[in-house]
Amino acid sequence: MNRNRTVAFIYAHPDDETFGCSFWIRHIADEGGYPILLSATLGDAGKSGRLGEMNKEQLAVKREQELRNAAGILGLAEIEHLRLPDGKLKEVDPVKLRESIADFLRRHGADIVVTFPEDGISGHADHIVIHHAVNDVVFSGEVATVQKLYYNGIRPETNRSCMKMSGDQYWEMKRRALECHESQVFSIERAFGDIANFGAASFSPEYLVLVWERGEHFPKKTESTIYDDLNS
């Protein structure tokens, strides 16, 4: 049922997928699914960690390469970048942003979409812009192949359909993927602790909350996999 199903992850910056959905992406790839990623920016407004000073162009090149390296570990089948201004997604034409997201989902025939929850997890303004843009695209039904939307999170939600993926078999993979994002080492260490001492206990489980399924918002159901009840 899950073989060749396309699961689209849509985020704001290179590394968002690694921070929040490493376990799920690797699991989907291992189970025969087809995980793909759309990143809205190149993260070039950020810092360069311990790599020394970089201008925006240099950091953009570096972060794009970091994401390619991490993607090979995560099992992402394809990556696309919208190359929008980092830290300024609120200033982007929302219609054009939605059109870009819809085009990505159509071209890849996405069955399932995963993106940020309401608070963007960290409260980052770019994350919240992506959250609303993805909602608008999926809720409108304009991409006919999309059957489900999930939000990823870092804590369980008892009042919604929520699935948990622990890091028991994936924590070492997540460690290696995070290490690829070396320009973001300070953010990584704030979230997970000393990168030199990562272990299984460094990583909490990752959660997916079912938000929308073929027109129904927050369906009340218990799922064993993200592929439950998909139409062929």
Protein backbone atom coordinates (compact mmCIF):
# COMPACT_ATOMS: atom_id res chain seq x y z
CA MET A 1 0.00 0.00 0.00
CA ASN A 2 2.79 2.42 0.83
CA ARG A 3 5.13 1.52 -2.01
CA ASN A 4 5.85 4.51 -4.24
CA ARG A 5 3.44 6.75 -2.33
CA THR A 6 4.78 10.30 -2.50
CA VAL A 7 5.04 12.13 0.81
CA ALA A 8 5.87 15.84 0.42
CA PHE A 9 7.57 17.70 3.26
CA ILE A 10 7.26 21.47 2.94
CA TYR A 11 9.40 23.72 5.13
CA ALA A 12 11.00 27.15 5.28
CA HIS A 13 14.74 26.50 5.65
CA PRO A 14 17.36 23.85 4.99
CA ASP A 15 17.54 21.82 8.24
CA ASP A 16 13.85 22.19 9.23
CA GLU A 17 13.22 18.67 7.93
CA THR A 18 16.24 17.28 9.80
CA PHE A 19 15.32 18.92 13.10
CA GLY A 20 11.68 17.91 13.02
CA CYS A 21 11.08 14.87 10.82
CA SER A 22 14.29 12.83 10.45
CA PHE A 23 12.76 9.67 11.91
CA TRP A 24 9.66 9.89 9.74
CA ILE A 25 11.50 10.65 6.50
CA ARG A 26 13.91 7.76 6.97
CA HIS A 27 11.07 5.43 7.95
CA ILE A 28 9.06 6.36 4.86
CA ALA A 29 12.07 5.77 2.62
CA ASP A 30 12.86 2.43 4.31
CA GLU A 31 9.25 1.27 3.88
CA GLY A 32 9.26 1.94 0.14
CA GLY A 33 7.64 5.35 0.10
CA TYR A 34 8.90 8.36 -1.86
CA PRO A 35 9.71 11.29 0.46
CA ILE A 36 10.37 14.64 -1.22
CA LEU A 37 11.18 18.09 0.14
CA LEU A 38 10.34 21.67 -0.82
CA SER A 39 12.42 24.30 1.00
CA ALA A 40 11.21 27.87 0.64
CA THR A 41 14.55 29.58 1.36
CA LEU A 42 18.25 28.79 1.38
CA GLY A 43 18.64 29.97 4.96
CA ASP A 44 21.12 32.63 3.94
CA ALA A 45 20.04 35.15 6.59
CA GLY A 46 21.31 32.88 9.34
CA LYS A 47 24.70 32.44 10.96
CA SER A 48 27.62 30.27 9.92
CA GLY A 49 28.37 28.60 13.23
CA ARG A 50 32.04 27.88 13.76
CA LEU A 51 32.88 28.08 10.06
CA GLY A 52 33.91 31.72 10.12
CA GLU A 53 32.37 34.78 8.47
CA MET A 54 30.36 34.24 5.29
CA ASN A 55 28.35 36.64 3.16
CA LYS A 56 24.80 35.74 2.13
CA GLU A 57 25.87 34.21 -1.17
CA GLN A 58 28.50 32.02 0.46
CA LEU A 59 26.13 30.88 3.19
CA ALA A 60 23.43 30.06 0.64
CA VAL A 61 25.85 27.80 -1.26
CA LYS A 62 26.99 26.20 1.98
CA ARG A 63 23.50 25.52 3.28
CA GLU A 64 22.31 24.10 -0.02
CA GLN A 65 25.22 21.65 0.05
CA GLU A 66 24.54 20.80 3.69
CA LEU A 67 20.98 19.93 2.81
CA ARG A 68 22.08 17.71 -0.07
CA ASN A 69 24.40 15.87 2.29
CA ALA A 70 21.71 15.45 4.94
CA ALA A 71 19.15 14.35 2.33
CA GLY A 72 21.33 11.40 1.36
CA ILE A 73 21.27 10.23 4.97
CA LEU A 74 17.57 10.91 5.50
CA GLY A 75 16.55 9.14 2.30
CA LEU A 76 14.91 12.12 0.60
CA ALA A 77 14.29 11.22 -3.02
CA GLU A 78 14.10 14.79 -4.35
CA ILE A 79 14.71 18.34 -3.11
CA GLU A 80 13.54 21.62 -4.58
CA HIS A 81 14.23 25.20 -3.43
CA LEU A 82 11.99 28.20 -4.03
CA ARG A 83 14.94 30.51 -3.20
CA LEU A 84 12.74 33.05 -1.48
CA PRO A 85 14.19 35.66 0.91
CA ASP A 86 15.17 34.08 4.21
CA GLY A 87 13.56 35.76 7.21
CA LYS A 88 11.19 37.73 4.98
CA LEU A 89 8.53 35.25 3.90
CA LYS A 90 5.87 37.57 5.32
CA GLU A 91 6.82 39.99 2.53
CA VAL A 92 6.40 37.41 -0.25
CA ASP A 93 3.24 37.60 -2.38
CA PRO A 94 1.05 34.95 -0.69
CA VAL A 95 -0.69 34.07 -3.95
CA LYS A 96 2.61 33.34 -5.68
CA LEU A 97 3.81 31.31 -2.68
CA ARG A 98 0.66 29.19 -2.73
CA GLU A 99 0.98 28.73 -6.50
CA SER A 100 4.59 27.53 -6.09
CA ILE A 101 3.59 25.02 -3.42
CA ALA A 102 0.64 23.77 -5.46
CA ASP A 103 2.83 23.41 -8.54
CA PHE A 104 5.36 21.36 -6.57
CA LEU A 105 2.66 19.03 -5.24
CA ARG A 106 1.03 18.60 -8.66
CA ARG A 107 4.25 17.89 -10.51
CA HIS A 108 5.19 15.19 -8.03
CA GLY A 109 1.71 13.76 -7.62
CA ALA A 110 1.94 14.04 -3.83
CA ASP A 111 -0.40 11.77 -1.88
CA ILE A 112 0.45 13.11 1.59
CA VAL A 113 1.79 16.47 2.79
CA VAL A 114 3.67 17.23 6.01
CA THR A 115 4.42 20.75 7.28
CA PHE A 116 4.72 22.91 10.41
CA PRO A 117 1.99 23.10 13.06
CA GLU A 118 0.20 26.32 13.98
CA ASP A 119 3.06 27.74 16.06
CA GLY A 120 5.75 26.73 13.58
CA ILE A 121 7.21 24.65 16.45
CA SER A 122 9.67 27.42 17.32
CA GLY A 123 7.46 30.43 16.63
CA HIS A 124 9.67 31.47 13.68
CA ALA A 125 7.72 33.83 11.42
CA ASP A 126 8.89 32.04 8.25
CA HIS A 127 7.64 28.73 9.62
CA ILE A 128 4.22 30.19 10.33
CA VAL A 129 3.96 31.66 6.82
CA ILE A 130 4.64 28.21 5.35
CA HIS A 131 2.10 26.64 7.71
CA HIS A 132 -0.66 28.94 6.45
CA ALA A 133 0.36 28.68 2.79
CA VAL A 134 0.31 24.88 2.87
CA ASN A 135 -3.05 24.92 4.66
CA ASP A 136 -4.52 27.18 1.99
CA VAL A 137 -3.32 24.92 -0.82
CA VAL A 138 -4.40 21.64 0.74
CA PHE A 139 -7.71 22.80 2.24
CA SER A 140 -8.76 24.26 -1.11
CA GLY A 141 -8.55 20.81 -2.71
CA GLU A 142 -6.80 22.34 -5.70
CA VAL A 143 -4.20 19.55 -5.83
CA ALA A 144 -6.29 16.51 -6.64
CA THR A 145 -3.70 13.90 -5.68
CA VAL A 146 -3.31 15.10 -2.09
CA GLN A 147 -5.36 12.99 0.31
CA LYS A 148 -3.89 13.87 3.71
CA LEU A 149 -2.14 16.70 5.53
CA TYR A 150 -0.11 16.20 8.71
CA TYR A 151 1.60 18.63 11.04
CA ASN A 152 4.84 17.49 12.58
CA GLY A 153 5.47 18.14 16.25
CA ILE A 154 7.63 17.42 19.25
CA ARG A 155 4.91 16.44 21.72
CA PRO A 156 1.84 14.19 21.67
CA GLU A 157 -1.63 15.63 21.13
CA THR A 158 -4.27 13.66 22.96
CA ASN A 159 -7.30 15.38 21.39
CA ARG A 160 -6.22 14.76 17.79
CA SER A 161 -5.23 11.74 15.71
CA CYS A 162 -1.51 11.56 16.46
CA MET A 163 1.22 9.06 15.63
CA LYS A 164 4.59 8.72 17.34
CA MET A 165 7.95 7.73 15.85
CA SER A 166 10.64 7.02 18.42
CA GLY A 167 14.32 7.23 17.67
CA ASP A 168 15.20 3.74 18.84
CA GLN A 169 16.45 2.63 15.44
CA TYR A 170 16.95 6.07 13.89
CA TRP A 171 18.77 8.27 16.40
CA GLU A 172 22.22 7.57 14.95
CA MET A 173 20.92 8.44 11.50
CA LYS A 174 19.49 11.72 12.83
CA ARG A 175 22.79 12.51 14.52
CA ARG A 176 24.67 12.11 11.22
CA ALA A 177 22.09 14.16 9.31
CA LEU A 178 22.26 16.98 11.85
CA GLU A 179 26.05 17.00 11.68
CA CYS A 180 25.75 17.75 7.95
CA HIS A 181 24.24 21.12 8.88
CA GLU A 182 27.51 22.31 10.36
CA SER A 183 26.76 26.00 9.80
CA GLN A 184 23.82 25.57 12.16
CA VAL A 185 25.74 23.93 14.99
CA PHE A 186 24.67 26.53 17.57
CA SER A 187 20.98 25.94 16.83
CA ILE A 188 21.54 22.19 16.90
CA GLU A 189 23.23 22.37 20.28
CA ARG A 190 20.47 24.58 21.70
CA ALA A 191 17.90 22.01 20.64
CA PHE A 192 19.69 18.73 21.33
CA GLY A 193 22.71 19.41 23.52
CA ASP A 194 26.43 18.96 22.95
CA ILE A 195 26.85 17.63 19.43
CA ALA A 196 30.00 15.76 20.45
CA ASN A 197 28.02 13.71 22.96
CA PHE A 198 24.85 12.89 21.07
CA GLY A 199 23.20 9.63 22.03
CA ALA A 200 19.75 8.05 21.93
CA ALA A 201 18.63 10.15 24.89
CA SER A 202 19.42 13.35 22.97
CA PHE A 203 16.39 12.94 20.72
CA SER A 204 12.75 12.96 21.74
CA PRO A 205 10.14 11.11 19.66
CA GLU A 206 8.69 12.84 16.61
CA TYR A 207 4.92 13.14 16.18
CA LEU A 208 2.61 13.54 13.20
CA VAL A 209 -0.89 14.95 13.71
CA LEU A 210 -3.55 14.20 11.09
CA VAL A 211 -5.02 17.56 10.14
CA TRP A 212 -7.04 16.95 6.99
CA GLU A 213 -8.15 13.91 5.02
CA ARG A 214 -10.02 14.33 1.74
CA GLY A 215 -11.98 17.37 2.92
CA GLU A 216 -12.43 16.42 6.58
CA HIS A 217 -10.57 18.49 9.15
CA PHE A 218 -9.04 16.70 12.15
CA PRO A 219 -10.77 13.36 11.57
CA LYS A 220 -11.26 11.33 14.72
CA LYS A 221 -9.50 8.05 14.05
CA THR A 222 -6.67 5.83 15.16
CA GLU A 223 -3.99 5.23 12.55
CA SER A 224 -1.23 2.65 12.43
CA THR A 225 0.54 4.26 9.45
CA ILE A 226 0.25 7.47 7.45
CA TYR A 227 -0.98 5.35 4.54
CA ASP A 228 -4.14 4.13 6.30
CA ASP A 229 -7.28 4.56 4.17
CA LEU A 230 -5.59 6.13 1.17
CA ASN A 231 -7.47 5.71 -2.09
CA SER A 232 -5.61 3.83 -4.80
